[in-house]
Amino acid sequence: MKLNCTTRHINRLIKGYSNCGKGYFLHGNRGRKPRHTISDDIKNTIIKLYQEDYYDANFTHFSELMLSRNNIAISTNAIRNILMSNGIVSPKATKATKKKLRLELEVEKGNVKSQNELVKIDEKIISYEDAHPRRPRCALFGEMLQMDASQHIWFGSSKTQLHVAIDDSTGAIVGAYFDKEETLNGYYNVFHQILTNYGIPYMFYTDRRTVFEYKRKNSPSIEEDTFTQFGYACKQLGVEIKTTSIPQAKGRVERLFGTLQSRLPIELRLAGVTTIDQANEFLKSYLKKFNDQFALAINHSKSVFEKQPDDEKINLILAVLANRKIDTGHSIRFNNKYFKPVDSNGHSVYYHKGTSCVVIKAFDGNHFTSIGEKVYTLDEIPLHESTSRNFDFTKPISKLRKRYVPTMSHPWKQGEFSKYISSQPYQSDIPFEELINSQAIIY
């Protein structure tokens, strides 16, 4: 009755004990491996693949890569058990997992006598990590785009900056671009992808400590002040810019960089990417794959993106503007080069020395200038003639050609740009440190 067995089974146990002793009570499968056990060869292959090829991948990503590249289908839990039993921890391991491992290593450390083994254990001890606070997502697609850049060894051997914009509502990456440094060009390319693929967003949420906020008193020139240039482009489109000095406030993009730093470098390495151009080309296909896997489904009926501007408008708005004056040679100096104004018919135009103008470098690299109420294209003046007047007998016949000159409807008027510059906080008498500590929203 205590064993909950039948009389017949009890008699069988007594007879077996009489013939075989206590060994009869052991299960017949004891010491035998189940049929579905992963073989030692496959385990060794998994460990070797991770250590040699996929050492910077988390365990979930590692299982996906093995299935797609090595045709090995192993569950994430099985991989985790195999690697953890060999002292290999995922770069995305949770705080609890790291704490547990650290305690085990501390206990193991007390039982080790060899100095070399102590050094190895010390190297394996993992520190704690902090987590970002939770907050609800925005309700609408395009309501808030969190934007930032991350310096990391994404590919090759040198660090580069990855500029990213992520939608707070869906977690979808809406723009990404690699550059050598955190630059206006990087953010303009991200903005260009957003305008081209989705439209005009409602707001950007950026880091106050980056190039988006106040320039210092001795900043080189207005065209190198990213906040003024990017902010002026946003002003023309009606996009708000909100800044914060607390990284956790924009935890969506901060966590995104944690995921990308775990996954993207190995994808770039396996794709053979070695240059920035190759990396930016790779992002075009990778972003779709990433969004399909991690982002929420986009509900376009709940989108606040405004209508997509045409390519010409995008090209002209994402421009670098700078105040200049006409010199004695009827030319304009910009970026250590000299340019001459040319009208739509291809004729050079001349203004008096000291005439104020605005130089516009469009997104596609073309140069224009706004003088008074007129816009002209700019032709670079070369340092040397392409042909010699005295020794080249076959002189090319130069013909005037029509030039594309944008209409003055675009807000390139010098007065409007100067008014915007004067309205920026860094023009005031408030010290830079006080501006940084303020909680004002810069628009």
Protein backbone atom coordinates (compact mmCIF):
# COMPACT_ATOMS: atom_id res chain seq x y z
CA MET A 1 0.00 0.00 0.00
CA LYS A 2 2.87 2.41 0.74
CA LEU A 3 4.55 1.72 -2.64
CA ASN A 4 1.19 1.90 -4.44
CA CYS A 5 2.08 -1.30 -6.33
CA THR A 6 0.13 -4.48 -7.04
CA THR A 7 0.80 -7.74 -5.18
CA ARG A 8 2.11 -9.29 -8.38
CA HIS A 9 4.69 -6.47 -8.86
CA ILE A 10 5.78 -6.69 -5.21
CA ASN A 11 6.40 -10.45 -5.62
CA ARG A 12 8.44 -9.69 -8.80
CA LEU A 13 10.61 -7.17 -6.87
CA ILE A 14 11.20 -9.60 -4.01
CA LYS A 15 12.24 -12.33 -6.43
CA GLY A 16 14.55 -9.96 -8.31
CA TYR A 17 16.15 -8.78 -5.06
CA SER A 18 16.71 -12.40 -3.99
CA ASN A 19 18.50 -13.20 -7.26
CA CYS A 20 20.36 -9.91 -8.04
CA GLY A 21 20.48 -7.88 -4.86
CA LYS A 22 20.03 -4.07 -4.74
CA GLY A 23 21.23 -3.73 -8.33
CA TYR A 24 17.90 -5.06 -9.51
CA PHE A 25 16.18 -1.81 -8.45
CA LEU A 26 18.29 0.34 -10.82
CA HIS A 27 16.56 1.50 -14.02
CA GLY A 28 17.60 -0.42 -17.09
CA ASN A 29 18.45 2.79 -19.05
CA ARG A 30 20.80 4.11 -16.39
CA GLY A 31 24.14 5.10 -17.94
CA ARG A 32 22.78 4.88 -21.50
CA LYS A 33 22.42 7.99 -23.64
CA PRO A 34 18.97 8.74 -25.08
CA ARG A 35 18.56 8.36 -28.84
CA HIS A 36 17.92 12.12 -29.29
CA THR A 37 21.09 13.16 -27.42
CA ILE A 38 23.35 15.54 -29.34
CA SER A 39 26.54 13.70 -30.21
CA ASP A 40 29.92 14.82 -28.92
CA ASP A 41 31.08 15.50 -32.49
CA ILE A 42 28.25 17.99 -33.07
CA LYS A 43 28.91 19.61 -29.69
CA ASN A 44 32.58 20.05 -30.56
CA THR A 45 31.58 21.45 -33.96
CA ILE A 46 29.26 23.99 -32.30
CA ILE A 47 31.96 25.11 -29.87
CA LYS A 48 34.53 25.37 -32.66
CA LEU A 49 32.19 27.37 -34.93
CA TYR A 50 31.36 29.81 -32.17
CA GLN A 51 34.96 30.34 -31.08
CA GLU A 52 36.36 30.71 -34.62
CA ASP A 53 33.60 32.23 -36.78
CA TYR A 54 30.70 33.50 -34.66
CA TYR A 55 32.47 34.56 -31.45
CA ASP A 56 30.73 37.96 -31.33
CA ALA A 57 27.16 36.67 -31.87
CA ASN A 58 24.57 36.12 -29.16
CA PHE A 59 23.17 32.61 -28.81
CA THR A 60 19.89 33.29 -30.64
CA HIS A 61 21.72 34.90 -33.54
CA PHE A 62 24.27 32.07 -33.48
CA SER A 63 21.54 29.45 -33.91
CA GLU A 64 20.10 31.41 -36.85
CA LEU A 65 23.51 31.71 -38.51
CA MET A 66 24.29 28.01 -38.10
CA LEU A 67 20.96 27.09 -39.70
CA SER A 68 21.38 29.45 -42.66
CA ARG A 69 25.13 29.02 -43.25
CA ASN A 70 26.08 25.60 -41.87
CA ASN A 71 22.75 23.76 -42.15
CA ILE A 72 22.87 22.78 -38.46
CA ALA A 73 19.47 22.96 -36.77
CA ILE A 74 19.95 23.19 -33.00
CA SER A 75 17.61 24.93 -30.58
CA THR A 76 18.79 28.06 -28.77
CA ASN A 77 18.40 26.37 -25.36
CA ALA A 78 20.55 23.42 -26.44
CA ILE A 79 23.23 25.79 -27.75
CA ARG A 80 23.09 27.77 -24.54
CA ASN A 81 23.59 24.63 -22.42
CA ILE A 82 26.48 23.41 -24.59
CA LEU A 83 28.34 26.73 -24.60
CA MET A 84 27.63 27.62 -20.97
CA SER A 85 28.93 24.22 -19.83
CA ASN A 86 32.20 25.12 -21.57
CA GLY A 87 32.45 28.55 -19.93
CA ILE A 88 31.20 30.52 -22.94
CA VAL A 89 28.69 33.28 -22.12
CA SER A 90 26.51 35.17 -24.57
CA PRO A 91 27.39 38.88 -25.05
CA LYS A 92 23.68 39.52 -24.43
CA ALA A 93 23.48 37.48 -21.22
CA THR A 94 21.06 38.82 -18.61
CA LYS A 95 22.10 40.33 -15.31
CA ALA A 96 20.87 37.26 -13.41
CA THR A 97 22.89 34.91 -15.61
CA LYS A 98 26.05 36.97 -15.17
CA LYS A 99 25.54 37.16 -11.39
CA LYS A 100 25.04 33.41 -11.15
CA LEU A 101 28.17 32.73 -13.19
CA ARG A 102 30.19 35.14 -11.11
CA LEU A 103 29.19 33.39 -7.86
CA GLU A 104 30.11 30.00 -9.35
CA LEU A 105 33.47 31.34 -10.45
CA GLU A 106 34.13 32.78 -6.99
CA VAL A 107 33.46 29.36 -5.43
CA GLU A 108 35.66 27.66 -8.03
CA LYS A 109 38.35 30.23 -7.40
CA GLY A 110 38.62 29.14 -3.77
CA ASN A 111 39.29 25.51 -4.72
CA VAL A 112 42.01 26.27 -7.28
CA LYS A 113 45.68 26.20 -6.26
CA SER A 114 47.40 26.86 -9.60
CA GLN A 115 48.24 30.52 -10.28
CA ASN A 116 47.54 30.12 -14.02
CA GLU A 117 44.06 28.77 -13.35
CA LEU A 118 43.39 31.65 -10.94
CA VAL A 119 44.32 34.14 -13.65
CA LYS A 120 41.99 32.44 -16.12
CA ILE A 121 39.11 32.50 -13.65
CA ASP A 122 39.71 36.19 -12.90
CA GLU A 123 39.51 36.92 -16.62
CA LYS A 124 36.14 35.13 -16.85
CA ILE A 125 34.44 36.99 -13.99
CA ILE A 126 31.72 39.20 -15.46
CA SER A 127 30.56 42.45 -13.95
CA TYR A 128 27.01 43.66 -13.46
CA GLU A 129 25.21 45.71 -16.06
CA ASP A 130 22.59 48.46 -15.80
CA ALA A 131 19.19 48.43 -17.49
CA HIS A 132 17.19 51.23 -19.06
CA PRO A 133 13.89 52.22 -17.39
CA ARG A 134 10.66 51.30 -19.15
CA ARG A 135 8.21 53.78 -20.61
CA PRO A 136 5.24 53.39 -22.96
CA ARG A 137 5.77 53.63 -26.70
CA CYS A 138 4.34 56.49 -28.72
CA ALA A 139 0.89 55.80 -30.12
CA LEU A 140 1.47 56.72 -33.79
CA PHE A 141 4.02 55.79 -36.43
CA GLY A 142 6.24 58.81 -37.12
CA GLU A 143 5.21 60.66 -33.95
CA MET A 144 8.74 60.45 -32.50
CA LEU A 145 11.97 59.33 -34.17
CA GLN A 146 14.86 58.79 -31.78
CA MET A 147 18.16 59.58 -33.49
CA ASP A 148 21.76 59.12 -32.40
CA ALA A 149 25.15 57.86 -33.55
CA SER A 150 27.34 55.10 -32.12
CA GLN A 151 31.11 54.78 -32.45
CA HIS A 152 32.19 51.16 -32.71
CA ILE A 153 34.44 48.83 -34.69
CA TRP A 154 31.60 47.89 -37.01
CA PHE A 155 33.89 46.53 -39.72
CA GLY A 156 37.60 46.41 -40.45
CA SER A 157 40.03 47.48 -37.73
CA SER A 158 39.11 51.14 -37.17
CA LYS A 159 36.11 52.71 -35.46
CA THR A 160 33.33 54.32 -37.49
CA GLN A 161 30.10 56.09 -36.60
CA LEU A 162 26.72 54.53 -37.35
CA HIS A 163 23.96 57.17 -37.55
CA VAL A 164 20.51 55.70 -36.85
CA ALA A 165 16.90 56.85 -36.54
CA ILE A 166 14.33 54.50 -34.99
CA ASP A 167 10.59 54.97 -34.72
CA ASP A 168 9.48 54.94 -31.09
CA SER A 169 6.05 53.47 -31.83
CA THR A 170 7.07 50.41 -33.85
CA GLY A 171 10.78 50.03 -33.14
CA ALA A 172 11.49 50.07 -36.90
CA ILE A 173 14.79 51.49 -38.13
CA VAL A 174 13.75 54.20 -40.60
CA GLY A 175 17.26 55.35 -41.55
CA ALA A 176 20.89 54.34 -41.03
CA TYR A 177 24.21 55.58 -42.42
CA PHE A 178 27.92 54.98 -41.76
CA ASP A 179 30.46 57.81 -41.66
CA LYS A 180 33.96 58.27 -40.29
CA GLU A 181 32.76 60.72 -37.63
CA GLU A 182 29.45 61.92 -36.21
CA THR A 183 28.74 64.51 -38.89
CA LEU A 184 26.02 66.58 -40.50
CA ASN A 185 26.48 64.49 -43.64
CA GLY A 186 25.60 61.33 -41.68
CA TYR A 187 22.42 62.80 -40.21
CA TYR A 188 21.44 64.37 -43.55
CA ASN A 189 21.70 60.94 -45.21
CA VAL A 190 19.50 59.42 -42.50
CA PHE A 191 17.01 62.28 -42.94
CA HIS A 192 17.10 61.74 -46.72
CA GLN A 193 16.18 58.06 -46.28
CA ILE A 194 13.28 59.02 -44.00
CA LEU A 195 11.91 61.65 -46.39
CA THR A 196 12.30 59.37 -49.40
CA ASN A 197 10.84 56.18 -47.90
CA TYR A 198 8.26 57.45 -45.41
CA GLY A 199 7.70 61.21 -45.51
CA ILE A 200 7.99 64.08 -43.04
CA PRO A 201 7.97 62.97 -39.36
CA TYR A 202 6.51 64.95 -36.48
CA MET A 203 9.54 65.08 -34.16
CA PHE A 204 13.17 64.08 -33.72
CA TYR A 205 14.40 63.14 -30.24
CA THR A 206 18.17 63.54 -30.02
CA ASP A 207 21.03 63.60 -27.56
CA ARG A 208 21.89 67.01 -26.15
CA ARG A 209 25.53 66.04 -25.78
CA THR A 210 26.02 65.37 -29.48
CA VAL A 211 26.51 67.75 -32.38
CA PHE A 212 22.82 68.67 -32.27
CA GLU A 213 23.20 71.12 -29.42
CA TYR A 214 24.83 74.48 -28.82
CA LYS A 215 28.09 75.32 -30.53
CA ARG A 216 30.86 76.78 -28.43
CA LYS A 217 31.95 80.41 -28.74
CA ASN A 218 35.00 79.66 -30.87
CA SER A 219 33.28 77.34 -33.35
CA PRO A 220 35.01 77.57 -36.76
CA SER A 221 32.09 78.56 -39.01
CA ILE A 222 28.33 78.47 -39.29
CA GLU A 223 28.39 75.77 -41.99
CA GLU A 224 30.12 73.41 -39.53
CA ASP A 225 27.46 73.96 -36.86
CA THR A 226 25.33 70.85 -37.27
CA PHE A 227 22.48 71.97 -35.05
CA THR A 228 21.94 75.18 -37.03
CA GLN A 229 22.09 73.44 -40.40
CA PHE A 230 19.97 70.43 -39.41
CA GLY A 231 17.61 72.59 -37.37
CA TYR A 232 17.07 75.00 -40.27
CA ALA A 233 16.22 72.08 -42.58
CA CYS A 234 13.74 70.78 -39.99
CA LYS A 235 12.23 74.26 -39.65
CA GLN A 236 11.46 74.38 -43.38
CA LEU A 237 9.62 71.03 -43.12
CA GLY A 238 7.91 71.76 -39.80
CA VAL A 239 9.73 69.00 -37.89
CA GLU A 240 10.25 69.58 -34.18
CA ILE A 241 13.58 68.80 -32.50
CA LYS A 242 13.58 67.77 -28.85
CA THR A 243 16.83 67.14 -26.98
CA THR A 244 17.80 65.42 -23.75
CA SER A 245 20.99 64.99 -21.73
CA ILE A 246 19.79 61.68 -20.21
CA PRO A 247 20.57 58.59 -22.33
CA GLN A 248 17.83 56.56 -20.63
CA ALA A 249 15.21 59.05 -21.84
CA LYS A 250 15.75 57.77 -25.37
CA GLY A 251 16.26 54.16 -24.38
CA ARG A 252 14.79 52.88 -27.66
CA VAL A 253 17.83 53.94 -29.70
CA GLU A 254 20.26 53.10 -26.87
CA ARG A 255 18.98 49.50 -26.71
CA LEU A 256 19.01 49.37 -30.49
CA PHE A 257 22.74 50.05 -30.53
CA GLY A 258 23.22 47.23 -28.03
CA THR A 259 21.45 44.85 -30.42
CA LEU A 260 23.26 46.17 -33.49
CA GLN A 261 26.68 46.03 -31.84
CA SER A 262 25.99 42.37 -31.07
CA ARG A 263 24.66 41.40 -34.52
CA LEU A 264 25.74 43.84 -37.22
CA PRO A 265 29.58 43.51 -36.99
CA ILE A 266 29.44 39.76 -37.57
CA GLU A 267 27.01 40.21 -40.47
CA LEU A 268 29.33 42.79 -42.03
CA ARG A 269 32.36 40.56 -41.49
CA LEU A 270 30.70 37.51 -43.02
CA ALA A 271 29.59 39.65 -45.99
CA GLY A 272 33.20 40.73 -46.58
CA VAL A 273 32.53 44.44 -45.96
CA THR A 274 35.72 46.49 -45.57
CA THR A 275 34.79 50.04 -46.64
CA ILE A 276 32.17 52.61 -45.68
CA ASP A 277 30.62 52.53 -49.14
CA GLN A 278 30.21 48.76 -48.95
CA ALA A 279 28.76 49.05 -45.45
CA ASN A 280 26.17 51.63 -46.51
CA GLU A 281 25.21 49.47 -49.48
CA PHE A 282 24.86 46.45 -47.17
CA LEU A 283 22.51 48.41 -44.88
CA LYS A 284 19.93 48.73 -47.66
CA SER A 285 19.14 45.02 -47.53
CA TYR A 286 19.96 44.48 -43.86
CA LEU A 287 17.48 47.08 -42.52
CA LYS A 288 14.53 45.29 -44.10
CA LYS A 289 15.67 41.97 -42.68
CA PHE A 290 16.19 43.53 -39.24
CA ASN A 291 12.80 45.28 -39.19
CA ASP A 292 10.99 42.13 -40.30
CA GLN A 293 12.47 40.27 -37.36
CA PHE A 294 12.41 42.82 -34.55
CA ALA A 295 10.04 45.71 -35.37
CA LEU A 296 6.31 45.75 -34.78
CA ALA A 297 4.02 45.69 -37.80
CA ILE A 298 3.59 49.17 -39.26
CA ASN A 299 -0.01 50.37 -39.33
CA HIS A 300 -0.03 53.08 -42.00
CA SER A 301 -3.56 54.10 -41.01
CA LYS A 302 -2.03 55.28 -37.72
CA SER A 303 0.87 57.13 -39.31
CA VAL A 304 1.51 60.83 -38.81
CA PHE A 305 4.16 61.03 -41.53
CA GLU A 306 3.22 63.83 -43.89
CA LYS A 307 3.31 63.45 -47.65
CA GLN A 308 6.70 62.59 -49.11
CA PRO A 309 8.39 65.64 -50.69
CA ASP A 310 9.63 65.32 -54.25
CA ASP A 311 13.30 64.58 -54.89
CA GLU A 312 14.09 68.16 -55.91
CA LYS A 313 12.67 69.60 -52.70
CA ILE A 314 14.55 67.06 -50.56
CA ASN A 315 17.79 67.84 -52.38
CA LEU A 316 17.41 71.57 -51.82
CA ILE A 317 16.26 71.45 -48.19
CA LEU A 318 19.03 69.09 -47.01
CA ALA A 319 21.62 71.72 -47.84
CA VAL A 320 24.53 73.41 -46.09
CA LEU A 321 24.14 77.20 -46.01
CA ALA A 322 26.81 79.80 -45.26
CA ASN A 323 27.04 83.59 -45.37
CA ARG A 324 29.72 84.95 -47.70
CA LYS A 325 30.75 88.17 -49.46
CA ILE A 326 31.84 88.82 -53.05
CA ASP A 327 35.61 89.44 -53.24
CA THR A 328 37.64 91.70 -55.52
CA GLY A 329 37.74 89.03 -58.22
CA HIS A 330 33.91 88.91 -58.50
CA SER A 331 34.06 85.41 -56.98
CA ILE A 332 33.04 83.63 -53.76
CA ARG A 333 35.33 81.57 -51.58
CA PHE A 334 33.79 78.45 -50.02
CA ASN A 335 35.58 75.38 -48.57
CA ASN A 336 38.95 76.73 -49.78
CA LYS A 337 37.69 76.91 -53.36
CA TYR A 338 36.64 79.84 -55.53
CA PHE A 339 33.33 79.97 -57.39
CA LYS A 340 31.78 82.38 -59.86
CA PRO A 341 28.01 83.02 -60.09
CA VAL A 342 26.39 81.92 -63.38
CA ASP A 343 22.82 82.62 -64.50
CA SER A 344 20.42 80.15 -66.12
CA ASN A 345 21.73 81.02 -69.61
CA GLY A 346 25.33 80.17 -68.72
CA HIS A 347 26.51 83.79 -68.49
CA SER A 348 28.73 84.91 -65.62
CA VAL A 349 27.25 87.64 -63.41
CA TYR A 350 29.25 90.27 -61.53
CA TYR A 351 28.62 92.10 -58.26
CA HIS A 352 30.54 94.74 -56.36
CA LYS A 353 33.14 93.75 -53.79
CA GLY A 354 31.58 93.18 -50.36
CA THR A 355 28.12 92.21 -51.64
CA SER A 356 26.54 89.81 -49.15
CA CYS A 357 25.31 86.44 -50.37
CA VAL A 358 24.33 82.99 -49.13
CA VAL A 359 26.21 79.96 -50.47
CA ILE A 360 24.09 76.80 -50.73
CA LYS A 361 25.62 73.35 -51.06
CA ALA A 362 22.74 71.04 -52.00
CA PHE A 363 22.51 67.42 -50.86
CA ASP A 364 23.72 66.16 -54.25
CA GLY A 365 26.85 68.36 -54.03
CA ASN A 366 25.80 71.13 -56.44
CA HIS A 367 26.51 74.71 -55.37
CA PHE A 368 24.21 77.73 -55.63
CA THR A 369 24.19 81.25 -54.29
CA SER A 370 21.41 83.61 -53.28
CA ILE A 371 22.15 87.30 -53.85
CA GLY A 372 19.32 89.67 -53.07
CA GLU A 373 16.19 88.23 -54.67
CA LYS A 374 18.01 86.06 -57.23
CA VAL A 375 19.53 82.58 -57.22
CA TYR A 376 22.52 81.60 -59.36
CA THR A 377 24.44 78.40 -59.88
CA LEU A 378 28.12 78.40 -58.89
CA ASP A 379 30.93 77.20 -61.16
CA GLU A 380 34.24 76.32 -59.56
CA ILE A 381 37.19 78.37 -60.80
CA PRO A 382 40.11 75.96 -61.44
CA LEU A 383 43.64 76.82 -60.35
CA HIS A 384 45.00 76.17 -63.85
CA GLU A 385 43.56 76.29 -67.35
CA SER A 386 42.74 72.88 -68.75
CA THR A 387 44.43 73.80 -72.08
CA SER A 388 47.22 76.18 -73.09
CA ARG A 389 46.40 79.18 -75.26
CA ASN A 390 49.86 79.17 -76.83
CA PHE A 391 50.76 75.50 -77.21
CA ASP A 392 47.46 73.64 -77.62
CA PHE A 393 46.48 74.18 -81.27
CA THR A 394 43.26 72.18 -81.13
CA LYS A 395 41.22 74.39 -78.89
CA PRO A 396 37.83 73.07 -77.84
CA ILE A 397 34.83 75.10 -78.89
CA SER A 398 33.07 76.26 -75.77
CA LYS A 399 29.32 76.69 -75.99
CA LEU A 400 27.08 78.29 -73.43
CA ARG A 401 24.62 75.80 -72.01
CA LYS A 402 21.47 76.23 -70.03
CA ARG A 403 21.87 75.85 -66.28
CA TYR A 404 19.39 74.58 -63.74
CA VAL A 405 18.64 77.34 -61.24
CA PRO A 406 16.08 76.67 -58.47
CA THR A 407 13.23 79.12 -58.02
CA MET A 408 13.35 81.68 -55.25
CA SER A 409 10.34 80.02 -53.62
CA HIS A 410 12.80 77.98 -51.60
CA PRO A 411 13.64 79.77 -48.29
CA TRP A 412 17.19 80.67 -49.21
CA LYS A 413 16.82 84.37 -48.68
CA GLN A 414 19.67 85.77 -46.67
CA GLY A 415 17.40 87.69 -44.33
CA GLU A 416 15.43 84.59 -43.29
CA PHE A 417 18.55 82.49 -42.73
CA SER A 418 20.23 85.28 -40.72
CA LYS A 419 17.08 85.68 -38.62
CA TYR A 420 17.12 81.97 -37.82
CA ILE A 421 20.81 82.08 -36.84
CA SER A 422 20.28 85.04 -34.52
CA SER A 423 17.43 83.21 -32.78
CA GLN A 424 19.67 80.31 -31.70
CA PRO A 425 20.49 80.12 -27.96
CA TYR A 426 24.25 80.11 -28.44
CA GLN A 427 24.07 83.69 -29.73
CA SER A 428 22.85 84.90 -26.32
CA ASP A 429 24.98 86.00 -23.35
CA ILE A 430 24.09 82.87 -21.36
CA PRO A 431 27.24 80.88 -20.51
CA PHE A 432 27.70 77.61 -22.34
CA GLU A 433 27.63 75.57 -19.11
CA GLU A 434 24.26 77.04 -18.14
CA LEU A 435 22.86 76.23 -21.56
CA ILE A 436 23.98 72.64 -21.28
CA ASN A 437 22.35 72.29 -17.86
CA SER A 438 19.08 73.85 -18.95
CA GLN A 439 16.08 71.68 -19.75
CA ALA A 440 14.74 73.86 -22.59
CA ILE A 441 13.46 72.25 -25.77
CA ILE A 442 15.35 73.63 -28.75
CA TYR A 443 13.24 74.14 -31.84
